[in-house]
N, C-alpha and C. Protein backbone atom coordinates (compact mmCIF):
# COMPACT_ATOMS: atom_id res chain seq x y z
N UNK A 1 71.98 -21.46 -2.17
CA UNK A 1 72.24 -22.63 -2.66
C UNK A 1 72.32 -23.69 -1.96
N UNK A 2 72.10 -24.04 -0.55
CA UNK A 2 71.79 -24.73 -0.35
C UNK A 2 70.45 -24.87 0.24
N UNK A 3 69.78 -23.91 0.39
CA UNK A 3 68.75 -23.36 0.33
C UNK A 3 67.65 -24.07 -0.05
N UNK A 4 67.72 -23.78 -1.30
CA UNK A 4 67.52 -24.26 -2.92
C UNK A 4 67.57 -26.04 -2.69
N UNK A 5 69.23 -26.58 -2.51
CA UNK A 5 68.12 -28.32 -2.25
C UNK A 5 67.37 -28.43 -1.74
N UNK A 6 67.35 -28.21 -0.47
CA UNK A 6 67.31 -28.33 0.78
C UNK A 6 65.56 -28.23 0.19
N UNK A 7 64.82 -27.54 0.15
CA UNK A 7 64.11 -27.37 -0.81
C UNK A 7 63.45 -28.19 -1.74
N UNK A 8 64.29 -28.28 -2.83
CA UNK A 8 64.12 -30.12 -3.12
C UNK A 8 64.11 -31.17 -2.38
N UNK A 9 64.61 -31.14 -1.84
CA UNK A 9 64.49 -32.30 -0.85
C UNK A 9 63.45 -32.87 -0.55
N UNK A 10 62.88 -32.12 0.23
CA UNK A 10 61.34 -31.44 1.12
C UNK A 10 60.67 -32.24 0.04
N UNK A 11 60.42 -31.59 -1.03
CA UNK A 11 59.22 -31.77 -2.27
C UNK A 11 59.55 -32.79 -2.13
N UNK A 12 60.68 -34.11 -2.51
CA UNK A 12 60.76 -34.80 -2.70
C UNK A 12 59.88 -36.12 -1.85
N UNK A 13 60.95 -35.94 -0.71
CA UNK A 13 60.14 -36.21 0.55
C UNK A 13 58.56 -36.02 0.67
N UNK A 14 58.07 -35.19 0.50
CA UNK A 14 56.35 -34.73 0.58
C UNK A 14 56.15 -35.50 -0.49
N UNK A 15 56.33 -35.32 -1.23
CA UNK A 15 55.35 -35.69 -3.12
C UNK A 15 55.62 -37.63 -2.71
N UNK A 16 56.85 -38.34 -2.27
CA UNK A 16 56.51 -39.51 -2.80
C UNK A 16 55.57 -40.18 -0.67
N UNK A 17 55.87 -39.24 0.34
CA UNK A 17 54.37 -39.90 1.20
C UNK A 17 53.27 -39.81 0.78
N UNK A 18 53.22 -38.42 0.16
CA UNK A 18 51.67 -38.14 -0.30
C UNK A 18 51.56 -39.02 -1.28
N UNK A 19 51.93 -39.34 -2.64
CA UNK A 19 52.53 -40.96 -3.31
C UNK A 19 51.54 -42.30 -2.84
N UNK A 20 52.80 -42.40 -1.90
CA UNK A 20 52.44 -43.75 -1.36
C UNK A 20 50.81 -44.07 -1.12
N UNK A 21 50.53 -43.02 -0.01
CA UNK A 21 49.30 -42.62 1.17
C UNK A 21 48.26 -43.67 -0.03
N UNK A 22 48.27 -42.01 -1.67
CA UNK A 22 46.56 -42.69 -2.47
C UNK A 22 47.47 -43.79 -3.35
N UNK A 23 48.26 -44.33 -3.82
CA UNK A 23 48.42 -45.91 -4.52
C UNK A 23 47.85 -46.65 -3.47
N UNK A 24 48.06 -46.53 -2.30
CA UNK A 24 47.61 -47.59 -1.21
C UNK A 24 46.32 -47.54 -1.41
N UNK A 25 45.30 -46.86 -0.99
CA UNK A 25 44.26 -46.12 -0.66
C UNK A 25 43.80 -46.76 -2.27
N UNK A 26 43.93 -46.12 -3.42
CA UNK A 26 43.43 -47.03 -5.06
C UNK A 26 43.72 -48.89 -5.07
N UNK A 27 45.18 -48.76 -4.64
CA UNK A 27 45.18 -50.32 -4.18
C UNK A 27 43.87 -51.22 -3.65
N UNK A 28 43.96 -50.24 -2.18
CA UNK A 28 43.01 -51.08 -1.54
C UNK A 28 41.50 -51.13 -2.20
N UNK A 29 41.20 -49.92 -2.88
CA UNK A 29 40.25 -49.81 -3.25
C UNK A 29 39.70 -50.90 -4.68
N UNK A 30 40.69 -51.02 -4.97
CA UNK A 30 40.32 -52.23 -6.49
C UNK A 30 40.50 -53.78 -5.87
N UNK A 31 41.10 -53.68 -4.76
CA UNK A 31 41.32 -55.22 -3.94
C UNK A 31 39.97 -56.05 -4.13
N UNK A 32 38.97 -54.34 -2.92
CA UNK A 32 38.19 -54.23 -3.07
C UNK A 32 37.18 -55.16 -4.01
N UNK A 33 37.09 -54.44 -4.91
CA UNK A 33 36.18 -54.28 -6.25
C UNK A 33 36.15 -55.67 -6.90
N UNK A 34 37.72 -55.99 -7.21
CA UNK A 34 38.57 -57.07 -7.77
C UNK A 34 38.71 -57.34 -7.01
N UNK A 35 38.86 -58.95 -6.27
CA UNK A 35 39.34 -59.71 -5.14
C UNK A 35 40.52 -60.83 -6.09
N UNK A 36 41.19 -61.13 -5.44
CA UNK A 36 42.37 -61.46 -5.95
C UNK A 36 41.61 -63.31 -6.61
N UNK A 37 41.23 -63.54 -5.32
CA UNK A 37 40.79 -65.17 -5.47
C UNK A 37 38.43 -65.06 -4.74
N UNK A 38 38.63 -66.05 -5.85
CA UNK A 38 36.64 -66.08 -5.36
C UNK A 38 36.39 -68.00 -4.65
N UNK A 39 35.23 -68.02 -4.53
CA UNK A 39 34.53 -68.74 -3.86
C UNK A 39 34.74 -70.33 -4.90
N UNK A 40 34.96 -69.75 -6.03
CA UNK A 40 35.11 -71.06 -7.06
C UNK A 40 36.37 -70.93 -7.31
N UNK A 41 37.57 -70.57 -6.94
CA UNK A 41 38.99 -70.78 -6.95
C UNK A 41 39.07 -71.52 -5.75
N UNK A 42 38.64 -70.95 -4.30
CA UNK A 42 38.95 -71.76 -3.82
C UNK A 42 38.38 -72.86 -3.75
N UNK A 43 37.34 -73.80 -3.41
CA UNK A 43 36.17 -74.92 -4.01
C UNK A 43 37.12 -75.65 -5.58
N UNK A 44 37.70 -75.19 -6.22
CA UNK A 44 38.64 -75.52 -7.55
C UNK A 44 39.74 -76.17 -6.24
N UNK A 45 40.29 -75.72 -6.07
CA UNK A 45 42.61 -75.98 -5.09
C UNK A 45 41.95 -76.67 -4.19
N UNK A 46 41.00 -76.87 -3.62
CA UNK A 46 40.52 -77.95 -2.22
C UNK A 46 39.89 -79.46 -3.27
N UNK A 47 39.20 -78.71 -3.86
CA UNK A 47 39.15 -79.74 -5.57
C UNK A 47 40.30 -81.23 -5.45
N UNK A 48 41.61 -80.14 -5.83
CA UNK A 48 42.51 -80.99 -6.21
C UNK A 48 43.33 -81.10 -5.27
N UNK A 49 43.22 -80.26 -4.48
CA UNK A 49 44.19 -81.43 -2.53
C UNK A 49 42.82 -82.95 -3.02
N UNK A 50 42.56 -82.77 -2.91
CA UNK A 50 41.79 -84.53 -3.16
C UNK A 50 40.45 -84.07 -1.44
N UNK A 51 39.59 -83.19 -1.03
CA UNK A 51 39.55 -82.76 -0.36
C UNK A 51 37.63 -81.97 -1.11
N UNK A 52 36.56 -82.21 -0.27
CA UNK A 52 35.96 -81.96 -1.00
C UNK A 52 35.10 -81.23 0.02
N UNK A 53 35.33 -79.49 -0.28
CA UNK A 53 34.87 -79.20 1.09
C UNK A 53 33.07 -79.16 1.14
N UNK A 54 33.07 -78.07 1.71
CA UNK A 54 31.66 -77.55 1.72
C UNK A 54 31.30 -76.76 2.09
N UNK A 55 30.05 -75.70 2.09
CA UNK A 55 29.92 -74.80 1.95
C UNK A 55 30.95 -73.63 3.63
N UNK A 56 30.48 -74.21 4.57
CA UNK A 56 30.96 -73.60 5.56
C UNK A 56 32.73 -72.99 6.01
N UNK A 57 33.34 -74.17 4.77
CA UNK A 57 35.30 -74.38 4.61
C UNK A 57 35.62 -73.19 4.41
N UNK A 58 34.12 -73.42 2.55
CA UNK A 58 35.03 -71.98 2.08
C UNK A 58 34.39 -70.45 2.61
N UNK A 59 33.56 -70.82 3.41
CA UNK A 59 33.06 -69.50 3.59
C UNK A 59 34.08 -68.97 4.13
N UNK A 60 34.14 -69.74 5.10
CA UNK A 60 35.47 -69.73 6.46
C UNK A 60 37.19 -68.87 5.88
N UNK A 61 36.88 -70.18 4.69
CA UNK A 61 38.14 -69.17 3.74
C UNK A 61 38.23 -68.14 2.89
N UNK A 62 36.97 -67.71 3.04
CA UNK A 62 36.72 -66.16 2.37
C UNK A 62 36.87 -65.35 4.01
N UNK A 63 36.63 -65.40 4.73
CA UNK A 63 35.98 -65.03 5.83
C UNK A 63 38.21 -64.34 6.21
N UNK A 64 38.94 -65.66 6.20
CA UNK A 64 40.08 -65.82 6.45
C UNK A 64 41.06 -64.24 5.54
N UNK A 65 40.91 -64.51 4.27
CA UNK A 65 40.91 -63.88 3.32
C UNK A 65 40.35 -61.89 2.93
N UNK A 66 39.52 -62.60 3.41
CA UNK A 66 38.96 -60.92 3.57
C UNK A 66 39.58 -60.57 5.28
N UNK A 67 39.87 -60.48 6.03
CA UNK A 67 40.68 -60.45 7.88
C UNK A 67 42.39 -59.96 6.83
N UNK A 68 42.75 -60.66 5.71
CA UNK A 68 44.09 -60.04 5.99
C UNK A 68 44.72 -58.79 4.22
N UNK A 69 42.98 -58.35 4.22
CA UNK A 69 43.14 -57.26 2.94
C UNK A 69 42.42 -55.88 3.35
């Protein structure tokens, strides 16, 4: 009886760990293929804040975004 309960709990923990890593890998691949923000969005945001961005600033922002993904 106790052995069965422990096996079920062990299976759930192992399944949760494997599921976490699989979901994490899938999300990383998805975000790399479809980034949530692109250069046009950064340009539009900076223009709304009243700044005229140059390409160097846009590239710097994109590099910072890639660093945290």
